[in-house]
Amino acid sequence: HNLLNKAFSEHVTTVECVNKIKEFIRLLLADNGYKSFSINDLNVLNEKIRNNVKLPKFDNYDWFNGLGIAIHDTYSTQIYLDYIDVSDSKFKAEISFQIQDHFGLDVADVNGKGFENLPWFCSWFILQRYTEYGYMPFINEANFTMVIEG
């Protein structure tokens, strides 16, 4: 949905994620003399993102604005480097995000956060978990693209 795409693309955790990716790209290009990325460079970038970047999620004040309830953490995040143009010591790149989450509660969503003390939250959890109801969580998906320069 366009509103979910917009919310994700503008969220503080997405901005932080993109800034880290931008910095990693800048450093890798500086290290290789601002040449096109090799397969090894792309693997290094992938590892840096995997090990050092907090992925976008609604896990702070968003608990109370609806996004924390609807999404909170995410189940899957794919980040694609669609293109990169390098000229002299500058670059312009496009990165795309595909973020998925299931609209369902896990045990981790309930335990230790205080929500287990709210009757309506416990009811929500039971409604989703009681096998006789046959509830299957649905998938929320956000897709958006960002252009970065450095």
Foldseek 3Di string as FASTA:
>chain_A
DVVVQVCQCPDPLNVQLVVQLLVLVLVLCVVVVNDDDDPVSVVVSVVCSVPPGDHTADADPCCPVPRCLQTGDFDDKDKDFPDWDTDRSKIKTKIKIKTKHWNADDPVNQPPPPNVVPPVSVVRNCCQPVVVNVDDTDMDIHMDMDMDMD
